[in-house]
Amino acid sequence: MVRGKVEMKRIENATSRQVTFSKRRVGLRKKAYELSVLCDVEVALIIFSQKGKLFEFSSSNIRQIIQRYHECSKEARSNNIGGEAGGQYMEHLKHETILMEKKLELLQVSQRKLLGQGLESCSMGELNEIDCQLEKSLQNVRTRKDQVYKEQIESLKAKHTQLLHENAILFDKCGLKPNMIQSPTPIPTPPSPSPRPAPAKQKEIVSGSNNTQNYMVETDLFIGLSATRCS
């Protein structure tokens, strides 16, 4: 006798449903046992009836099989979530890379303009903005330069104070006082020779005793040694 095809839907009759459950439960358990023996696999079967009664079958320790199932299912879920998250993360990295490339290109263009390159395409507003940026940068450089100068001056003052302190300690060790150190005597500068005066000419009037005429005689007056006197 050929059994007809059973329609897959809930059996409305409670008695028929219970009979079918009992028969198929036994058959399912038999198939699970055959599968575990023929294929050398671990099989666990858990069935709850409509009234909540438990029916189970396992080829080995059912708790170990359930624990193994939890570990495998947890790992599978983690891999699935990790794969989706990894794909989203890669897309995010690609997007960030594109944005960084655009920002880098803009910075390079701005740097070239600050160096005075590629100004042909700049409008008057852009040129004024570049001028303001350069002026501000120059002001910052000058401010920093003044600050460095002040720091160097303060450092030199501190070194000077330290050297004075060390010098005073050395004076105390040597039993000297700072005012006992004599400064070197300057070498006297020889006086420059006074210029030789030019001979002055003096006119004398000589009157002749025997001659009534007056003669104008020019005489030379020399100041100095007689050896240098000219004839």
C-alpha atoms as a PDB file:
ATOM      1  CA  MET A   1       0.000   0.000   0.000  1.00  0.00           C
ATOM      2  CA  VAL A   2       1.451   3.352  -1.054  1.00  0.00           C
ATOM      3  CA  ARG A   3       1.320   6.100   1.555  1.00  0.00           C
ATOM      4  CA  GLY A   4      -0.008   9.367   0.275  1.00  0.00           C
ATOM      5  CA  LYS A   5       1.832  12.638   0.572  1.00  0.00           C
ATOM      6  CA  VAL A   6       1.208  14.338   3.908  1.00  0.00           C
ATOM      7  CA  GLU A   7       0.304  17.991   3.769  1.00  0.00           C
ATOM      8  CA  MET A   8       2.673  20.101   5.875  1.00  0.00           C
ATOM      9  CA  LYS A   9       0.344  21.922   8.237  1.00  0.00           C
ATOM     10  CA  ARG A  10      -0.744  21.713  11.846  1.00  0.00           C
ATOM     11  CA  ILE A  11      -2.903  18.709  12.701  1.00  0.00           C
ATOM     12  CA  GLU A  12      -6.103  20.056  14.156  1.00  0.00           C
ATOM     13  CA  ASN A  13      -7.190  16.854  15.921  1.00  0.00           C
ATOM     14  CA  ALA A  14      -5.404  16.631  19.278  1.00  0.00           C
ATOM     15  CA  THR A  15      -5.421  12.805  19.410  1.00  0.00           C
ATOM     16  CA  SER A  16      -4.062  12.458  15.895  1.00  0.00           C
ATOM     17  CA  ARG A  17      -1.489  15.138  16.638  1.00  0.00           C
ATOM     18  CA  GLN A  18      -0.292  13.277  19.750  1.00  0.00           C
ATOM     19  CA  VAL A  19      -0.066   9.960  17.912  1.00  0.00           C
ATOM     20  CA  THR A  20       1.882  11.548  15.070  1.00  0.00           C
ATOM     21  CA  PHE A  21       4.238  13.200  17.557  1.00  0.00           C
ATOM     22  CA  SER A  22       4.982   9.915  19.312  1.00  0.00           C
ATOM     23  CA  LYS A  23       5.661   8.030  16.076  1.00  0.00           C
ATOM     24  CA  ARG A  24       7.815  10.702  14.484  1.00  0.00           C
ATOM     25  CA  ARG A  25       9.734  11.342  17.695  1.00  0.00           C
ATOM     26  CA  VAL A  26      10.797   7.721  17.833  1.00  0.00           C
ATOM     27  CA  GLY A  27      11.668   7.761  14.144  1.00  0.00           C
ATOM     28  CA  LEU A  28      13.676  10.987  14.520  1.00  0.00           C
ATOM     29  CA  ARG A  29      15.613   9.521  17.424  1.00  0.00           C
ATOM     30  CA  LYS A  30      16.335   6.394  15.393  1.00  0.00           C
ATOM     31  CA  LYS A  31      17.596   8.493  12.468  1.00  0.00           C
ATOM     32  CA  ALA A  32      19.843  10.529  14.797  1.00  0.00           C
ATOM     33  CA  TYR A  33      21.354   7.355  16.214  1.00  0.00           C
ATOM     34  CA  GLU A  34      21.949   5.916  12.745  1.00  0.00           C
ATOM     35  CA  LEU A  35      23.599   9.155  11.629  1.00  0.00           C
ATOM     36  CA  SER A  36      25.973   9.182  14.606  1.00  0.00           C
ATOM     37  CA  VAL A  37      26.986   5.547  14.069  1.00  0.00           C
ATOM     38  CA  LEU A  38      27.262   5.498  10.290  1.00  0.00           C
ATOM     39  CA  CYS A  39      29.074   8.836   9.927  1.00  0.00           C
ATOM     40  CA  ASP A  40      30.943   8.867  13.271  1.00  0.00           C
ATOM     41  CA  VAL A  41      29.624  12.284  14.248  1.00  0.00           C
ATOM     42  CA  GLU A  42      28.331  13.830  17.421  1.00  0.00           C
ATOM     43  CA  VAL A  43      24.563  14.258  17.395  1.00  0.00           C
ATOM     44  CA  ALA A  44      22.377  15.926  19.999  1.00  0.00           C
ATOM     45  CA  LEU A  45      18.590  15.956  19.792  1.00  0.00           C
ATOM     46  CA  ILE A  46      16.378  18.057  22.069  1.00  0.00           C
ATOM     47  CA  ILE A  47      12.587  17.993  21.803  1.00  0.00           C
ATOM     48  CA  PHE A  48       9.953  19.741  23.901  1.00  0.00           C
ATOM     49  CA  SER A  49       6.394  18.514  23.574  1.00  0.00           C
ATOM     50  CA  GLN A  50       3.382  20.779  23.424  1.00  0.00           C
ATOM     51  CA  LYS A  51       2.936  20.346  27.165  1.00  0.00           C
ATOM     52  CA  GLY A  52       6.615  21.178  27.844  1.00  0.00           C
ATOM     53  CA  LYS A  53       7.926  17.671  28.367  1.00  0.00           C
ATOM     54  CA  LEU A  54      11.599  17.190  27.443  1.00  0.00           C
ATOM     55  CA  PHE A  55      12.843  14.444  25.135  1.00  0.00           C
ATOM     56  CA  GLU A  56      16.540  14.303  24.316  1.00  0.00           C
ATOM     57  CA  PHE A  57      19.107  12.113  22.611  1.00  0.00           C
ATOM     58  CA  SER A  58      22.875  12.480  22.234  1.00  0.00           C
ATOM     59  CA  SER A  59      25.602  10.291  20.849  1.00  0.00           C
ATOM     60  CA  SER A  60      27.900  11.477  23.700  1.00  0.00           C
ATOM     61  CA  ASN A  61      27.673  13.867  26.648  1.00  0.00           C
ATOM     62  CA  ILE A  62      24.908  16.261  25.722  1.00  0.00           C
ATOM     63  CA  ARG A  63      26.283  19.085  27.916  1.00  0.00           C
ATOM     64  CA  GLN A  64      29.623  19.000  26.146  1.00  0.00           C
ATOM     65  CA  ILE A  65      27.877  19.067  22.785  1.00  0.00           C
ATOM     66  CA  ILE A  66      25.758  22.052  23.842  1.00  0.00           C
ATOM     67  CA  GLN A  67      28.851  23.882  25.174  1.00  0.00           C
ATOM     68  CA  ARG A  68      30.642  23.248  21.921  1.00  0.00           C
ATOM     69  CA  TYR A  69      27.627  24.534  20.030  1.00  0.00           C
ATOM     70  CA  HIS A  70      27.603  27.777  22.044  1.00  0.00           C
ATOM     71  CA  GLU A  71      31.312  28.362  21.414  1.00  0.00           C
ATOM     72  CA  CYS A  72      31.001  27.750  17.688  1.00  0.00           C
ATOM     73  CA  SER A  73      27.903  29.902  17.311  1.00  0.00           C
ATOM     74  CA  LYS A  74      29.526  32.722  19.300  1.00  0.00           C
ATOM     75  CA  GLU A  75      32.646  32.616  17.121  1.00  0.00           C
ATOM     76  CA  ALA A  76      30.530  32.588  13.974  1.00  0.00           C
ATOM     77  CA  ARG A  77      28.569  35.630  15.127  1.00  0.00           C
ATOM     78  CA  SER A  78      31.793  37.457  15.994  1.00  0.00           C
ATOM     79  CA  ASN A  79      33.254  36.731  12.574  1.00  0.00           C
ATOM     80  CA  ASN A  80      30.101  37.910  10.891  1.00  0.00           C
ATOM     81  CA  ILE A  81      29.970  41.128  12.885  1.00  0.00           C
ATOM     82  CA  GLY A  82      33.707  41.635  12.469  1.00  0.00           C
ATOM     83  CA  GLY A  83      33.442  41.193   8.726  1.00  0.00           C
ATOM     84  CA  GLU A  84      30.685  43.774   8.428  1.00  0.00           C
ATOM     85  CA  ALA A  85      32.480  46.180  10.746  1.00  0.00           C
ATOM     86  CA  GLY A  86      35.736  45.650   8.861  1.00  0.00           C
ATOM     87  CA  GLY A  87      34.071  46.528   5.573  1.00  0.00           C
ATOM     88  CA  GLN A  88      32.563  49.678   7.040  1.00  0.00           C
ATOM     89  CA  TYR A  89      35.909  50.615   8.566  1.00  0.00           C
ATOM     90  CA  MET A  90      37.667  50.215   5.215  1.00  0.00           C
ATOM     91  CA  GLU A  91      35.089  52.436   3.542  1.00  0.00           C
ATOM     92  CA  HIS A  92      35.608  55.013   6.269  1.00  0.00           C
ATOM     93  CA  LEU A  93      39.374  54.894   5.748  1.00  0.00           C
ATOM     94  CA  LYS A  94      38.982  55.390   2.007  1.00  0.00           C
ATOM     95  CA  HIS A  95      36.750  58.401   2.591  1.00  0.00           C
ATOM     96  CA  GLU A  96      39.212  59.880   5.090  1.00  0.00           C
ATOM     97  CA  THR A  97      42.090  59.313   2.662  1.00  0.00           C
ATOM     98  CA  ILE A  98      40.301  61.232  -0.091  1.00  0.00           C
ATOM     99  CA  LEU A  99      39.584  64.132   2.274  1.00  0.00           C
ATOM    100  CA  MET A 100      43.196  64.243   3.457  1.00  0.00           C
ATOM    101  CA  GLU A 101      44.471  64.306  -0.134  1.00  0.00           C
ATOM    102  CA  LYS A 102      42.213  67.276  -0.919  1.00  0.00           C
ATOM    103  CA  LYS A 103      43.349  69.129   2.206  1.00  0.00           C
ATOM    104  CA  LEU A 104      46.989  68.440   1.362  1.00  0.00           C
ATOM    105  CA  GLU A 105      46.521  69.809  -2.144  1.00  0.00           C
ATOM    106  CA  LEU A 106      44.915  72.994  -0.783  1.00  0.00           C
ATOM    107  CA  LEU A 107      47.765  73.449   1.692  1.00  0.00           C
ATOM    108  CA  GLN A 108      50.352  73.052  -1.058  1.00  0.00           C
ATOM    109  CA  VAL A 109      48.597  75.664  -3.209  1.00  0.00           C
ATOM    110  CA  SER A 110      48.412  78.048  -0.242  1.00  0.00           C
ATOM    111  CA  GLN A 111      52.096  77.521   0.515  1.00  0.00           C
ATOM    112  CA  ARG A 112      53.080  78.289  -3.081  1.00  0.00           C
ATOM    113  CA  LYS A 113      51.045  81.496  -2.961  1.00  0.00           C
ATOM    114  CA  LEU A 114      52.734  82.556   0.274  1.00  0.00           C
ATOM    115  CA  LEU A 115      56.075  82.012  -1.465  1.00  0.00           C
ATOM    116  CA  GLY A 116      54.970  84.292  -4.294  1.00  0.00           C
ATOM    117  CA  GLN A 117      54.302  81.512  -6.799  1.00  0.00           C
ATOM    118  CA  GLY A 118      51.150  80.953  -8.821  1.00  0.00           C
ATOM    119  CA  LEU A 119      49.694  84.408  -8.148  1.00  0.00           C
ATOM    120  CA  GLU A 120      48.461  84.901 -11.706  1.00  0.00           C
ATOM    121  CA  SER A 121      45.039  83.417 -10.980  1.00  0.00           C
ATOM    122  CA  CYS A 122      44.552  85.305  -7.681  1.00  0.00           C
ATOM    123  CA  SER A 123      41.980  88.051  -7.404  1.00  0.00           C
ATOM    124  CA  MET A 124      42.474  91.311  -5.546  1.00  0.00           C
ATOM    125  CA  GLY A 125      40.730  89.918  -2.479  1.00  0.00           C
ATOM    126  CA  GLU A 126      42.990  86.873  -2.411  1.00  0.00           C
ATOM    127  CA  LEU A 127      46.074  89.060  -2.814  1.00  0.00           C
ATOM    128  CA  ASN A 128      44.954  91.251   0.089  1.00  0.00           C
ATOM    129  CA  GLU A 129      44.384  88.153   2.198  1.00  0.00           C
ATOM    130  CA  ILE A 130      47.866  86.833   1.359  1.00  0.00           C
ATOM    131  CA  ASP A 131      49.315  90.248   2.216  1.00  0.00           C
ATOM    132  CA  CYS A 132      47.591  90.212   5.610  1.00  0.00           C
ATOM    133  CA  GLN A 133      48.828  86.688   6.304  1.00  0.00           C
ATOM    134  CA  LEU A 134      52.409  87.627   5.464  1.00  0.00           C
ATOM    135  CA  GLU A 135      52.212  90.752   7.628  1.00  0.00           C
ATOM    136  CA  LYS A 136      50.852  88.729  10.519  1.00  0.00           C
ATOM    137  CA  SER A 137      53.544  86.087  10.077  1.00  0.00           C
ATOM    138  CA  LEU A 138      56.235  88.763   9.979  1.00  0.00           C
ATOM    139  CA  GLN A 139      54.867  90.308  13.163  1.00  0.00           C
ATOM    140  CA  ASN A 140      54.943  86.917  14.870  1.00  0.00           C
ATOM    141  CA  VAL A 141      58.542  86.395  13.750  1.00  0.00           C
ATOM    142  CA  ARG A 142      59.576  89.785  15.111  1.00  0.00           C
ATOM    143  CA  THR A 143      57.824  89.143  18.401  1.00  0.00           C
ATOM    144  CA  ARG A 144      59.560  85.807  18.747  1.00  0.00           C
ATOM    145  CA  LYS A 145      62.878  87.395  17.824  1.00  0.00           C
ATOM    146  CA  ASP A 146      62.495  90.026  20.548  1.00  0.00           C
ATOM    147  CA  GLN A 147      61.595  87.331  23.033  1.00  0.00           C
ATOM    148  CA  VAL A 148      64.710  85.324  22.123  1.00  0.00           C
ATOM    149  CA  TYR A 149      66.852  88.445  22.542  1.00  0.00           C
ATOM    150  CA  LYS A 150      65.384  89.079  25.987  1.00  0.00           C
ATOM    151  CA  GLU A 151      65.968  85.480  27.001  1.00  0.00           C
ATOM    152  CA  GLN A 152      69.586  85.671  25.855  1.00  0.00           C
ATOM    153  CA  ILE A 153      70.106  88.919  27.777  1.00  0.00           C
ATOM    154  CA  GLU A 154      68.639  87.405  30.930  1.00  0.00           C
ATOM    155  CA  SER A 155      70.861  84.360  30.482  1.00  0.00           C
ATOM    156  CA  LEU A 156      73.953  86.541  30.107  1.00  0.00           C
ATOM    157  CA  LYS A 157      72.989  88.522  33.208  1.00  0.00           C
ATOM    158  CA  ALA A 158      72.602  85.311  35.159  1.00  0.00           C
ATOM    159  CA  LYS A 159      76.023  84.108  33.971  1.00  0.00           C
ATOM    160  CA  HIS A 160      77.534  87.472  34.908  1.00  0.00           C
ATOM    161  CA  THR A 161      76.083  87.245  38.408  1.00  0.00           C
ATOM    162  CA  GLN A 162      77.348  83.695  38.762  1.00  0.00           C
ATOM    163  CA  LEU A 163      80.843  84.700  37.643  1.00  0.00           C
ATOM    164  CA  LEU A 164      80.892  87.562  40.146  1.00  0.00           C
ATOM    165  CA  HIS A 165      79.879  85.169  42.889  1.00  0.00           C
ATOM    166  CA  GLU A 166      82.582  82.673  41.907  1.00  0.00           C
ATOM    167  CA  ASN A 167      85.106  85.510  41.704  1.00  0.00           C
ATOM    168  CA  ALA A 168      84.205  86.635  45.224  1.00  0.00           C
ATOM    169  CA  ILE A 169      84.665  83.069  46.491  1.00  0.00           C
ATOM    170  CA  LEU A 170      88.122  82.919  44.900  1.00  0.00           C
ATOM    171  CA  PHE A 171      89.050  86.252  46.506  1.00  0.00           C
ATOM    172  CA  ASP A 172      88.020  84.907  49.902  1.00  0.00           C
ATOM    173  CA  LYS A 173      90.094  81.762  49.418  1.00  0.00           C
ATOM    174  CA  CYS A 174      93.153  83.790  48.406  1.00  0.00           C
ATOM    175  CA  GLY A 175      92.689  86.328  51.209  1.00  0.00           C
ATOM    176  CA  LEU A 176      92.331  89.204  48.794  1.00  0.00           C
ATOM    177  CA  LYS A 177      89.819  91.920  48.329  1.00  0.00           C
ATOM    178  CA  PRO A 178      88.367  92.889  45.003  1.00  0.00           C
ATOM    179  CA  ASN A 179      89.778  96.456  45.284  1.00  0.00           C
ATOM    180  CA  MET A 180      93.342  95.105  45.719  1.00  0.00           C
ATOM    181  CA  ILE A 181      93.453  94.012  42.125  1.00  0.00           C
ATOM    182  CA  GLN A 182      95.238  96.801  40.265  1.00  0.00           C
ATOM    183  CA  SER A 183      94.380  97.538  36.740  1.00  0.00           C
ATOM    184  CA  PRO A 184      97.350  97.601  34.349  1.00  0.00           C
ATOM    185  CA  THR A 185      99.098 100.984  34.092  1.00  0.00           C
ATOM    186  CA  PRO A 186      98.484 102.522  30.717  1.00  0.00           C
ATOM    187  CA  ILE A 187     101.572 103.218  28.610  1.00  0.00           C
ATOM    188  CA  PRO A 188     102.194 106.993  28.478  1.00  0.00           C
ATOM    189  CA  THR A 189     101.998 108.518  25.081  1.00  0.00           C
ATOM    190  CA  PRO A 190     105.095 110.629  24.207  1.00  0.00           C
ATOM    191  CA  PRO A 191     104.320 114.305  23.579  1.00  0.00           C
ATOM    192  CA  SER A 192     104.341 115.348  20.021  1.00  0.00           C
ATOM    193  CA  PRO A 193     107.152 117.822  19.130  1.00  0.00           C
ATOM    194  CA  SER A 194     106.059 121.411  18.861  1.00  0.00           C
ATOM    195  CA  PRO A 195     106.346 122.845  15.390  1.00  0.00           C
ATOM    196  CA  ARG A 196     109.401 124.935  14.697  1.00  0.00           C
ATOM    197  CA  PRO A 197     108.475 128.613  14.545  1.00  0.00           C
ATOM    198  CA  ALA A 198     109.048 130.388  11.310  1.00  0.00           C
ATOM    199  CA  PRO A 199     111.602 133.208  11.345  1.00  0.00           C
ATOM    200  CA  ALA A 200     110.037 136.559  11.866  1.00  0.00           C
ATOM    201  CA  LYS A 201     111.209 139.437   9.843  1.00  0.00           C
ATOM    202  CA  GLN A 202     111.514 142.781  11.499  1.00  0.00           C
ATOM    203  CA  LYS A 203     112.227 146.011   9.901  1.00  0.00           C
ATOM    204  CA  GLU A 204     114.628 148.343  11.655  1.00  0.00           C
ATOM    205  CA  ILE A 205     115.436 151.891  10.832  1.00  0.00           C
ATOM    206  CA  VAL A 206     119.161 152.550  11.023  1.00  0.00           C
ATOM    207  CA  SER A 207     120.273 156.130  11.185  1.00  0.00           C
ATOM    208  CA  GLY A 208     123.696 156.970   9.980  1.00  0.00           C
ATOM    209  CA  SER A 209     125.703 159.239  12.186  1.00  0.00           C
ATOM    210  CA  ASN A 210     127.634 160.748   9.366  1.00  0.00           C
ATOM    211  CA  ASN A 211     124.910 160.495   6.756  1.00  0.00           C
ATOM    212  CA  THR A 212     121.756 162.375   7.003  1.00  0.00           C
ATOM    213  CA  GLN A 213     119.879 159.866   4.856  1.00  0.00           C
ATOM    214  CA  ASN A 214     117.783 157.163   6.523  1.00  0.00           C
ATOM    215  CA  TYR A 215     118.116 153.609   5.241  1.00  0.00           C
ATOM    216  CA  MET A 216     115.502 150.871   5.555  1.00  0.00           C
ATOM    217  CA  VAL A 217     117.325 147.707   6.661  1.00  0.00           C
ATOM    218  CA  GLU A 218     115.635 144.331   6.892  1.00  0.00           C
ATOM    219  CA  THR A 219     116.908 142.019   9.614  1.00  0.00           C
ATOM    220  CA  ASP A 220     115.977 138.429  10.351  1.00  0.00           C
ATOM    221  CA  LEU A 221     115.070 137.319  13.861  1.00  0.00           C
ATOM    222  CA  PHE A 222     115.826 133.672  14.658  1.00  0.00           C
ATOM    223  CA  ILE A 223     114.607 131.883  17.753  1.00  0.00           C
ATOM    224  CA  GLY A 224     116.582 128.793  18.678  1.00  0.00           C
ATOM    225  CA  LEU A 225     120.165 127.577  18.946  1.00  0.00           C
ATOM    226  CA  SER A 226     122.875 129.450  17.237  1.00  0.00           C
ATOM    227  CA  ALA A 227     123.966 126.348  15.353  1.00  0.00           C
ATOM    228  CA  THR A 228     120.754 126.337  13.420  1.00  0.00           C
ATOM    229  CA  ARG A 229     121.068 129.959  12.501  1.00  0.00           C
ATOM    230  CA  CYS A 230     121.302 130.645   8.843  1.00  0.00           C
ATOM    231  CA  SER A 231     124.042 132.890   7.545  1.00  0.00           C
END
